[in-house]
Amino acid sequence: MGLYMGHSIKDLIYQGEKSGVHNWQTLEGMSYYWHPDWLHIAEDITGHKATATIDIDGEKATQHEAEKAIIQHLNKSDK
C-alpha cells in the first residue's frame, strides 16, 4: 500500500470560466465554483452552497487563492 499524500493542484482540472464563474473538477468528478466577487468556493454555479471560505491577502480573492481553498477543503474532507 502506498502512502497517501493528500490532494494537490494537479488533482484539479480547470474547466474554464462562464459569466465570471470559474469551475474546477476533481479527478473523482466533484465540481467546485468560484467568482472573483465571492469570498468562498461553492459546489454549485450560483455560489449559494458555500463549501469553504477563502483566505485572502487583499480585498478580493484571486484564482490562486480559490484553488488553494479547494485543495485545503479536499484534504480536510479526506481525514
N, C-alpha and C. Protein backbone atom coordinates (compact mmCIF):
# COMPACT_ATOMS: atom_id res chain seq x y z
N MET A 1 0.84 -1.20 0.00
CA MET A 1 0.00 0.00 0.00
C MET A 1 0.88 1.25 0.00
N GLY A 2 0.51 2.20 -0.81
CA GLY A 2 1.25 3.45 -0.89
C GLY A 2 0.82 4.43 0.18
N LEU A 3 1.66 5.37 0.44
CA LEU A 3 1.35 6.43 1.41
C LEU A 3 0.52 7.50 0.75
N TYR A 4 -0.63 7.83 1.33
CA TYR A 4 -1.50 8.86 0.77
C TYR A 4 -0.94 10.23 1.11
N MET A 5 -0.69 11.03 0.09
CA MET A 5 -0.04 12.33 0.29
C MET A 5 -1.04 13.50 0.27
N GLY A 6 -2.29 13.22 0.11
CA GLY A 6 -3.27 14.31 0.05
C GLY A 6 -3.41 14.84 -1.36
N HIS A 7 -4.35 15.75 -1.51
CA HIS A 7 -4.61 16.35 -2.81
C HIS A 7 -3.64 17.49 -3.08
N SER A 8 -3.38 17.73 -4.36
CA SER A 8 -2.56 18.87 -4.77
C SER A 8 -3.23 19.53 -5.97
N ILE A 9 -2.67 20.63 -6.42
CA ILE A 9 -3.24 21.38 -7.55
C ILE A 9 -3.32 20.49 -8.80
N LYS A 10 -2.48 19.49 -8.89
CA LYS A 10 -2.50 18.58 -10.03
C LYS A 10 -3.78 17.75 -10.08
N ASP A 11 -4.49 17.66 -8.95
CA ASP A 11 -5.74 16.89 -8.89
C ASP A 11 -6.95 17.68 -9.36
N LEU A 12 -6.76 18.97 -9.68
CA LEU A 12 -7.86 19.81 -10.16
C LEU A 12 -7.77 20.00 -11.67
N ILE A 13 -8.89 19.86 -12.33
CA ILE A 13 -8.96 20.09 -13.77
C ILE A 13 -9.76 21.36 -13.98
N TYR A 14 -9.08 22.40 -14.46
CA TYR A 14 -9.75 23.68 -14.68
C TYR A 14 -10.68 23.54 -15.88
N GLN A 15 -11.97 23.83 -15.67
CA GLN A 15 -12.98 23.68 -16.71
C GLN A 15 -13.28 24.99 -17.43
N GLY A 16 -12.68 26.08 -16.97
CA GLY A 16 -12.88 27.36 -17.62
C GLY A 16 -13.78 28.28 -16.82
N GLU A 17 -14.19 29.35 -17.48
CA GLU A 17 -14.98 30.41 -16.84
C GLU A 17 -16.19 30.72 -17.71
N LYS A 18 -17.34 30.87 -17.05
CA LYS A 18 -18.57 31.21 -17.76
C LYS A 18 -19.31 32.26 -16.93
N SER A 19 -19.58 33.39 -17.53
CA SER A 19 -20.25 34.50 -16.85
C SER A 19 -19.52 34.91 -15.58
N GLY A 20 -18.20 34.84 -15.61
CA GLY A 20 -17.39 35.25 -14.46
C GLY A 20 -17.15 34.16 -13.44
N VAL A 21 -17.86 33.03 -13.54
CA VAL A 21 -17.72 31.95 -12.57
C VAL A 21 -16.71 30.92 -13.11
N HIS A 22 -15.68 30.68 -12.31
CA HIS A 22 -14.65 29.71 -12.67
C HIS A 22 -15.05 28.34 -12.13
N ASN A 23 -14.68 27.29 -12.86
CA ASN A 23 -15.07 25.93 -12.47
C ASN A 23 -13.88 24.99 -12.53
N TRP A 24 -13.74 24.20 -11.48
CA TRP A 24 -12.73 23.14 -11.44
C TRP A 24 -13.45 21.84 -11.16
N GLN A 25 -12.87 20.76 -11.66
CA GLN A 25 -13.39 19.43 -11.37
C GLN A 25 -12.26 18.59 -10.80
N THR A 26 -12.59 17.77 -9.81
CA THR A 26 -11.58 16.87 -9.26
C THR A 26 -11.51 15.61 -10.11
N LEU A 27 -10.48 14.83 -9.90
CA LEU A 27 -10.34 13.56 -10.61
C LEU A 27 -11.49 12.62 -10.28
N GLU A 28 -12.11 12.82 -9.11
CA GLU A 28 -13.25 12.00 -8.69
C GLU A 28 -14.57 12.49 -9.28
N GLY A 29 -14.55 13.66 -9.95
CA GLY A 29 -15.76 14.17 -10.59
C GLY A 29 -16.52 15.25 -9.84
N MET A 30 -16.03 15.66 -8.67
CA MET A 30 -16.69 16.75 -7.93
C MET A 30 -16.37 18.09 -8.59
N SER A 31 -17.36 18.97 -8.66
CA SER A 31 -17.15 20.29 -9.23
C SER A 31 -17.13 21.35 -8.14
N TYR A 32 -16.26 22.34 -8.32
CA TYR A 32 -16.17 23.47 -7.41
C TYR A 32 -16.17 24.75 -8.23
N TYR A 33 -16.84 25.78 -7.71
CA TYR A 33 -17.02 27.03 -8.43
C TYR A 33 -16.53 28.19 -7.60
N TRP A 34 -16.11 29.25 -8.30
CA TRP A 34 -15.66 30.47 -7.63
C TRP A 34 -15.84 31.65 -8.59
N HIS A 35 -16.29 32.75 -8.04
CA HIS A 35 -16.42 34.02 -8.76
C HIS A 35 -15.55 35.03 -8.02
N PRO A 36 -14.87 35.92 -8.74
CA PRO A 36 -14.00 36.90 -8.08
C PRO A 36 -14.68 37.74 -7.00
N ASP A 37 -16.00 37.87 -7.04
CA ASP A 37 -16.71 38.64 -6.01
C ASP A 37 -17.02 37.81 -4.77
N TRP A 38 -16.81 36.50 -4.83
CA TRP A 38 -17.09 35.62 -3.70
C TRP A 38 -15.86 35.48 -2.82
N LEU A 39 -16.09 35.32 -1.53
CA LEU A 39 -15.01 35.04 -0.59
C LEU A 39 -15.06 33.58 -0.16
N HIS A 40 -15.62 32.74 -1.03
CA HIS A 40 -15.75 31.31 -0.75
C HIS A 40 -15.71 30.52 -2.06
N ILE A 41 -15.55 29.21 -1.93
CA ILE A 41 -15.75 28.32 -3.06
C ILE A 41 -17.10 27.64 -2.85
N ALA A 42 -17.71 27.18 -3.91
CA ALA A 42 -19.04 26.60 -3.81
C ALA A 42 -19.14 25.32 -4.62
N GLU A 43 -20.13 24.50 -4.29
CA GLU A 43 -20.37 23.26 -5.02
C GLU A 43 -21.44 23.44 -6.09
N ASP A 44 -21.95 24.67 -6.24
CA ASP A 44 -22.93 24.93 -7.29
C ASP A 44 -22.57 26.25 -7.98
N ILE A 45 -22.99 26.39 -9.21
CA ILE A 45 -22.60 27.55 -10.02
C ILE A 45 -23.17 28.86 -9.49
N THR A 46 -24.26 28.80 -8.72
CA THR A 46 -24.85 30.03 -8.18
C THR A 46 -24.07 30.58 -6.99
N GLY A 47 -23.27 29.73 -6.36
CA GLY A 47 -22.49 30.15 -5.21
C GLY A 47 -23.24 30.08 -3.90
N HIS A 48 -24.48 29.58 -3.91
CA HIS A 48 -25.27 29.54 -2.69
C HIS A 48 -24.85 28.45 -1.72
N LYS A 49 -24.26 27.38 -2.21
CA LYS A 49 -23.82 26.29 -1.34
C LYS A 49 -22.32 26.46 -1.05
N ALA A 50 -22.02 27.37 -0.14
CA ALA A 50 -20.61 27.63 0.19
C ALA A 50 -19.97 26.39 0.78
N THR A 51 -18.82 26.03 0.24
CA THR A 51 -18.10 24.84 0.68
C THR A 51 -16.99 25.19 1.65
N ALA A 52 -16.27 26.26 1.36
CA ALA A 52 -15.15 26.67 2.20
C ALA A 52 -14.86 28.14 1.98
N THR A 53 -14.42 28.79 3.04
CA THR A 53 -14.03 30.19 2.96
C THR A 53 -12.62 30.29 2.39
N ILE A 54 -12.38 31.32 1.61
CA ILE A 54 -11.06 31.54 1.03
C ILE A 54 -10.28 32.50 1.91
N ASP A 55 -9.07 32.12 2.27
CA ASP A 55 -8.16 33.03 2.98
C ASP A 55 -7.56 33.97 1.95
N ILE A 56 -7.80 35.26 2.11
CA ILE A 56 -7.35 36.23 1.11
C ILE A 56 -6.30 37.17 1.68
N ASP A 57 -5.43 37.65 0.78
CA ASP A 57 -4.40 38.62 1.17
C ASP A 57 -4.86 40.05 0.91
N GLY A 58 -5.70 40.25 -0.11
CA GLY A 58 -6.16 41.58 -0.48
C GLY A 58 -7.63 41.74 -0.18
N GLU A 59 -8.29 42.62 -0.94
CA GLU A 59 -9.71 42.85 -0.74
C GLU A 59 -10.56 41.79 -1.41
N LYS A 60 -10.04 41.23 -2.50
CA LYS A 60 -10.76 40.19 -3.24
C LYS A 60 -9.89 38.96 -3.37
N ALA A 61 -10.54 37.81 -3.48
CA ALA A 61 -9.81 36.56 -3.66
C ALA A 61 -9.26 36.48 -5.08
N THR A 62 -8.14 35.80 -5.22
CA THR A 62 -7.55 35.56 -6.53
C THR A 62 -7.85 34.12 -6.95
N GLN A 63 -7.64 33.82 -8.21
CA GLN A 63 -7.85 32.46 -8.70
C GLN A 63 -6.94 31.48 -7.96
N HIS A 64 -5.71 31.89 -7.72
CA HIS A 64 -4.77 31.04 -6.98
C HIS A 64 -5.27 30.75 -5.56
N GLU A 65 -5.80 31.77 -4.89
CA GLU A 65 -6.34 31.58 -3.54
C GLU A 65 -7.56 30.66 -3.54
N ALA A 66 -8.37 30.76 -4.60
CA ALA A 66 -9.53 29.87 -4.72
C ALA A 66 -9.08 28.43 -4.90
N GLU A 67 -8.08 28.22 -5.75
CA GLU A 67 -7.55 26.87 -5.97
C GLU A 67 -6.99 26.30 -4.67
N LYS A 68 -6.28 27.13 -3.92
CA LYS A 68 -5.70 26.71 -2.65
C LYS A 68 -6.81 26.32 -1.66
N ALA A 69 -7.92 27.07 -1.64
CA ALA A 69 -9.04 26.77 -0.75
C ALA A 69 -9.68 25.43 -1.12
N ILE A 70 -9.78 25.15 -2.42
CA ILE A 70 -10.35 23.86 -2.86
C ILE A 70 -9.47 22.71 -2.37
N ILE A 71 -8.16 22.83 -2.55
CA ILE A 71 -7.24 21.78 -2.13
C ILE A 71 -7.31 21.58 -0.61
N GLN A 72 -7.33 22.67 0.15
CA GLN A 72 -7.43 22.56 1.62
C GLN A 72 -8.74 21.87 2.01
N HIS A 73 -9.83 22.22 1.34
CA HIS A 73 -11.14 21.60 1.62
C HIS A 73 -11.08 20.09 1.33
N LEU A 74 -10.51 19.72 0.18
CA LEU A 74 -10.41 18.31 -0.19
C LEU A 74 -9.58 17.53 0.82
N ASN A 75 -8.48 18.12 1.26
CA ASN A 75 -7.62 17.43 2.24
C ASN A 75 -8.28 17.31 3.60
N LYS A 76 -9.08 18.30 4.00
CA LYS A 76 -9.82 18.20 5.26
C LYS A 76 -10.89 17.13 5.16
N SER A 77 -11.55 17.03 4.01
CA SER A 77 -12.63 16.07 3.81
C SER A 77 -12.12 14.63 3.84
N ASP A 78 -10.86 14.44 3.48
CA ASP A 78 -10.29 13.08 3.44
C ASP A 78 -9.90 12.55 4.81
N LYS A 79 -9.83 13.42 5.79
CA LYS A 79 -9.37 12.98 7.14
C LYS A 79 -10.49 12.36 7.91
